[in-house]
Amino acid sequence: MKSCYLIQRGNDKNLFISIYQDVSSNKEWNENEDIHIFSANQISKEDKDSVLYTLYNDIDKGVDRWMTDVRYVPRLLIGGLIFLVSYFFFSLAVRDPIPMIDEMVIASVITFISIVAISRRDKRSDLSLKKRFELKQKASECVYEIAPELGAIEQYLFECSQLDTIDLADSIAIVDGKKLPHLPLEISSDYMIPFRAQFLTHIRLYHKDIYSLYKRYLKVLKDEAKREAFSARLLRAGMNGLSLSLLATTIEIANQ
């Protein structure tokens, strides 16, 4: 069973977390595994359509990456052969005032165009089509379930969003003894075991600004002298629209 998670954020964009978002993990994708999508409450048809659209889009990206990896060596060999043939053809058939340079440039361009064409053909191959169809068919059969733990996360996001920006910045940076409120989260259930890793991967891939501040937070923890400056940086980021509540939630989930 593959677990996916939908975290609803009210007026902010929902977080949809699944294994398909990390295209580098495509070797682990199994078209025979059931997909379960967990949420704190029953979700609307609109949200279900959005979830399926995201799943299909991620599957397409992952299968493209899979075909690129599978065909890497053949494509490299074909590219090398095309370069050599092109280079020697233009060296022998076309005379020019600058020996070698023009031939190398032309051969490189031909090789690049050929590799791009081969890559596109691979992505439209029968094998690629079959893989996409099987994964998407399984995704369309996904099962929706309720997970109370996600309700705790949604509540935590809401409560953090109600704090003053400067107070939340100081709490994240642990300035003047302030600390983030604790997120009581039970992740020992089978369906929640993959959650922490998948959540952090989602933040790394789709919220790079949040993830960058999270990595900075880990460094600041070891250097108390830099906490005040980090709090000021967070305050500016929060005033510019960055979600400090999502950063706080990321920190608490990472600490589980």
Protein backbone atom coordinates (compact mmCIF):
# COMPACT_ATOMS: atom_id res chain seq x y z
CA MET A 1 0.00 0.00 0.00
CA LYS A 2 1.18 3.49 -0.87
CA SER A 3 0.05 6.29 1.43
CA CYS A 4 -0.71 9.80 0.18
CA TYR A 5 -1.82 12.71 2.36
CA LEU A 6 -3.99 15.76 1.81
CA ILE A 7 -3.53 18.62 4.28
CA GLN A 8 -6.12 21.35 3.91
CA ARG A 9 -5.09 24.90 4.76
CA GLY A 10 -8.25 26.97 4.51
CA ASN A 11 -7.50 30.04 2.41
CA ASP A 12 -3.99 28.81 1.58
CA LYS A 13 -3.15 26.20 -1.04
CA ASN A 14 -3.64 22.64 0.17
CA LEU A 15 -0.64 20.35 0.60
CA PHE A 16 -0.89 17.08 -1.28
CA ILE A 17 1.91 14.67 -0.42
CA SER A 18 2.67 11.46 -2.30
CA ILE A 19 5.58 9.21 -3.25
CA TYR A 20 5.10 10.13 -6.91
CA GLN A 21 6.32 13.66 -6.27
CA ASP A 22 9.91 12.45 -5.96
CA VAL A 23 10.70 11.38 -9.52
CA SER A 24 14.08 10.02 -8.43
CA SER A 25 12.20 7.25 -6.55
CA ASN A 26 10.57 5.94 -9.76
CA LYS A 27 12.29 2.55 -9.40
CA GLU A 28 10.17 1.97 -6.28
CA TRP A 29 6.87 2.59 -8.05
CA ASN A 30 4.78 -0.52 -8.30
CA GLU A 31 1.69 -0.51 -10.50
CA ASN A 32 0.24 -3.39 -8.44
CA GLU A 33 0.20 -1.51 -5.12
CA ASP A 34 -3.01 0.08 -3.89
CA ILE A 35 -3.01 3.81 -3.25
CA HIS A 36 -4.69 5.20 -0.13
CA ILE A 37 -5.24 8.93 0.23
CA PHE A 38 -5.63 10.16 3.79
CA SER A 39 -7.24 13.41 4.90
CA ALA A 40 -8.58 14.84 8.16
CA ASN A 41 -12.14 15.03 6.80
CA GLN A 42 -14.18 13.90 3.86
CA ILE A 43 -12.97 15.82 0.83
CA SER A 44 -15.02 17.42 -1.92
CA LYS A 45 -15.23 16.27 -5.53
CA GLU A 46 -13.20 19.34 -6.51
CA ASP A 47 -10.39 18.29 -4.16
CA LYS A 48 -10.55 14.72 -5.47
CA ASP A 49 -10.20 15.98 -9.03
CA SER A 50 -7.24 18.12 -7.96
CA VAL A 51 -5.63 15.14 -6.24
CA LEU A 52 -5.99 12.92 -9.32
CA TYR A 53 -4.67 15.66 -11.60
CA THR A 54 -1.59 16.03 -9.36
CA LEU A 55 -1.07 12.27 -9.25
CA TYR A 56 -1.29 11.95 -13.04
CA ASN A 57 1.07 14.87 -13.57
CA ASP A 58 3.62 13.44 -11.12
CA ILE A 59 3.36 10.00 -12.74
CA ASP A 60 4.09 11.54 -16.16
CA LYS A 61 7.19 13.27 -14.82
CA GLY A 62 8.36 10.13 -13.05
CA VAL A 63 7.89 7.86 -16.08
CA ASP A 64 9.78 10.40 -18.22
CA ARG A 65 12.63 10.27 -15.72
CA TRP A 66 12.45 6.46 -15.64
CA MET A 67 12.76 6.24 -19.42
CA THR A 68 15.65 8.72 -19.34
CA ASP A 69 17.47 6.54 -16.79
CA VAL A 70 16.72 3.25 -18.56
CA ARG A 71 17.85 4.52 -21.96
CA TYR A 72 20.83 6.55 -20.74
CA VAL A 73 23.62 4.21 -21.88
CA PRO A 74 22.11 3.40 -25.33
CA ARG A 75 21.43 7.11 -25.87
CA LEU A 76 25.01 7.95 -24.88
CA LEU A 77 26.43 5.39 -27.33
CA ILE A 78 24.15 6.52 -30.15
CA GLY A 79 25.05 10.15 -29.46
CA GLY A 80 28.76 9.34 -29.62
CA LEU A 81 28.32 7.48 -32.91
CA ILE A 82 26.32 10.34 -34.43
CA PHE A 83 29.01 12.82 -33.39
CA LEU A 84 31.81 10.77 -34.98
CA VAL A 85 29.91 10.16 -38.21
CA SER A 86 28.91 13.83 -38.48
CA TYR A 87 32.41 15.05 -37.70
CA PHE A 88 34.16 12.85 -40.25
CA PHE A 89 31.51 13.48 -42.90
CA PHE A 90 31.88 17.26 -42.72
CA SER A 91 35.67 16.98 -42.40
CA LEU A 92 35.94 15.01 -45.64
CA ALA A 93 33.03 16.42 -47.64
CA VAL A 94 33.18 20.13 -46.78
CA ARG A 95 36.29 22.28 -47.13
CA ASP A 96 36.48 25.36 -44.92
CA PRO A 97 39.15 27.89 -43.93
CA ILE A 98 39.16 26.85 -40.25
CA PRO A 99 39.97 23.15 -39.94
CA MET A 100 38.26 21.10 -37.16
CA ILE A 101 36.42 23.99 -35.46
CA ASP A 102 33.43 24.16 -37.82
CA GLU A 103 33.16 20.38 -38.02
CA MET A 104 33.12 20.03 -34.22
CA VAL A 105 30.46 22.71 -33.83
CA ILE A 106 28.24 21.22 -36.55
CA ALA A 107 28.70 17.68 -35.22
CA SER A 108 27.88 18.84 -31.68
CA VAL A 109 24.68 20.55 -32.84
CA ILE A 110 23.59 17.50 -34.85
CA THR A 111 24.35 15.23 -31.89
CA PHE A 112 22.37 17.43 -29.48
CA ILE A 113 19.34 17.58 -31.79
CA SER A 114 19.50 13.81 -32.33
CA ILE A 115 19.68 13.04 -28.61
CA VAL A 116 16.71 15.32 -27.89
CA ALA A 117 14.72 13.60 -30.66
CA ILE A 118 15.66 10.14 -29.35
CA SER A 119 14.70 11.16 -25.81
CA ARG A 120 11.29 12.40 -26.97
CA ARG A 121 10.73 9.20 -28.93
CA ASP A 122 11.60 7.12 -25.86
CA LYS A 123 9.08 9.05 -23.76
CA ARG A 124 6.38 8.17 -26.32
CA SER A 125 7.43 4.54 -26.66
CA ASP A 126 5.11 1.57 -26.08
CA LEU A 127 6.93 0.68 -22.86
CA SER A 128 6.50 4.22 -21.55
CA LEU A 129 2.82 4.27 -22.54
CA LYS A 130 2.18 0.97 -20.75
CA LYS A 131 3.90 2.15 -17.57
CA ARG A 132 1.91 5.40 -17.51
CA PHE A 133 -1.38 3.62 -18.15
CA GLU A 134 -0.86 1.05 -15.38
CA LEU A 135 0.19 3.63 -12.78
CA LYS A 136 -2.61 6.04 -13.66
CA GLN A 137 -5.18 3.26 -13.65
CA LYS A 138 -4.11 2.33 -10.13
CA ALA A 139 -4.20 5.99 -9.12
CA SER A 140 -7.78 6.31 -10.42
CA GLU A 141 -8.76 3.42 -8.14
CA CYS A 142 -7.36 5.13 -5.02
CA VAL A 143 -9.14 4.74 -1.70
CA TYR A 144 -9.94 7.79 0.44
CA GLU A 145 -9.63 7.41 4.21
CA ILE A 146 -9.83 9.59 7.31
CA ALA A 147 -6.66 10.19 9.36
CA PRO A 148 -7.20 12.11 12.63
CA GLU A 149 -3.45 12.88 12.79
CA LEU A 150 -3.80 15.18 9.78
CA GLY A 151 -6.47 17.12 11.66
CA ALA A 152 -3.88 17.89 14.35
CA ILE A 153 -1.52 19.22 11.68
CA GLU A 154 -4.23 21.39 10.13
CA GLN A 155 -5.10 22.78 13.55
CA TYR A 156 -1.44 23.49 14.27
CA LEU A 157 -1.06 25.36 10.97
CA PHE A 158 -4.13 27.44 11.80
CA GLU A 159 -2.97 28.27 15.33
CA CYS A 160 0.49 29.31 14.15
CA SER A 161 -1.05 31.51 11.45
CA GLN A 162 -2.97 33.39 14.17
CA LEU A 163 0.21 34.38 16.04
CA ASP A 164 1.84 37.75 15.46
CA THR A 165 4.55 37.45 12.83
CA ILE A 166 7.26 38.75 15.17
CA ASP A 167 6.24 36.35 17.96
CA LEU A 168 6.25 33.40 15.57
CA ALA A 169 9.64 34.44 14.17
CA ASP A 170 11.10 34.67 17.69
CA SER A 171 9.60 31.29 18.62
CA ILE A 172 11.08 29.58 15.54
CA ALA A 173 14.49 31.16 16.19
CA ILE A 174 14.20 30.41 19.95
CA VAL A 175 14.88 34.03 20.95
CA ASP A 176 14.51 35.16 24.59
CA GLY A 177 13.48 31.67 25.66
CA LYS A 178 10.50 31.54 23.32
CA LYS A 179 9.66 28.19 21.74
CA LEU A 180 7.19 26.87 19.23
CA PRO A 181 4.02 25.30 20.64
CA HIS A 182 4.27 21.53 20.62
CA LEU A 183 2.58 19.57 17.85
CA PRO A 184 1.08 16.42 19.41
CA LEU A 185 1.31 13.96 16.57
CA GLU A 186 1.01 10.18 16.62
CA ILE A 187 2.83 8.74 13.62
CA SER A 188 3.27 5.14 14.73
CA SER A 189 0.21 3.96 12.78
CA ASP A 190 1.15 1.94 9.70
CA TYR A 191 -0.35 4.44 7.29
CA MET A 192 1.50 7.35 8.96
CA ILE A 193 4.97 5.76 9.08
CA PRO A 194 6.01 7.15 5.65
CA PHE A 195 4.50 10.57 6.40
CA ARG A 196 7.48 12.38 7.92
CA ALA A 197 9.88 11.50 5.09
CA GLN A 198 7.31 12.23 2.37
CA PHE A 199 6.35 15.54 3.98
CA LEU A 200 9.96 16.75 4.12
CA THR A 201 10.49 15.64 0.51
CA HIS A 202 7.39 17.61 -0.50
CA ILE A 203 8.71 20.74 1.25
CA ARG A 204 12.14 20.29 -0.36
CA LEU A 205 10.68 19.96 -3.86
CA TYR A 206 7.73 22.36 -3.80
CA HIS A 207 8.51 24.90 -1.06
CA LYS A 208 12.20 25.55 -1.58
CA ASP A 209 12.14 28.83 0.37
CA ILE A 210 10.65 27.07 3.40
CA TYR A 211 13.13 24.20 3.12
CA SER A 212 16.07 26.62 2.86
CA LEU A 213 14.97 28.34 6.08
CA TYR A 214 14.49 24.96 7.73
CA LYS A 215 18.09 24.00 6.90
CA ARG A 216 19.20 27.40 8.23
CA TYR A 217 17.19 26.76 11.41
CA LEU A 218 19.14 23.54 12.01
CA LYS A 219 22.42 25.49 11.88
CA VAL A 220 21.13 28.29 14.10
CA LEU A 221 20.17 25.75 16.77
CA LYS A 222 23.88 25.13 17.34
CA ASP A 223 24.85 28.82 17.40
CA GLU A 224 22.85 30.91 19.86
CA ALA A 225 24.59 34.13 18.77
CA LYS A 226 22.93 33.91 15.34
CA ARG A 227 19.38 33.47 16.58
CA GLU A 228 18.49 37.16 16.78
CA ALA A 229 19.63 37.73 13.19
CA PHE A 230 17.72 34.63 12.07
CA SER A 231 14.57 35.92 13.76
CA ALA A 232 14.95 39.23 11.89
CA ARG A 233 15.33 37.33 8.64
CA LEU A 234 12.18 35.34 9.39
CA LEU A 235 10.28 38.51 10.23
CA ARG A 236 11.16 40.06 6.88
CA ALA A 237 10.25 36.82 5.05
CA GLY A 238 6.92 36.63 6.88
CA MET A 239 6.10 40.25 6.06
CA ASN A 240 6.87 39.48 2.40
CA GLY A 241 4.28 36.71 2.33
CA LEU A 242 6.24 33.58 3.25
CA SER A 243 4.23 31.18 5.42
CA LEU A 244 6.01 31.04 8.77
CA SER A 245 3.24 28.75 10.00
CA LEU A 246 4.27 26.18 7.38
CA LEU A 247 7.91 26.56 8.45
CA ALA A 248 6.94 26.02 12.07
CA THR A 249 4.91 22.94 11.13
CA THR A 250 7.82 21.59 9.09
CA ILE A 251 10.12 21.96 12.09
CA GLU A 252 7.69 20.21 14.42
CA ILE A 253 7.07 17.34 11.99
CA ALA A 254 10.81 16.92 11.42
CA ASN A 255 11.28 16.67 15.20
CA GLN A 256 8.78 13.80 15.53
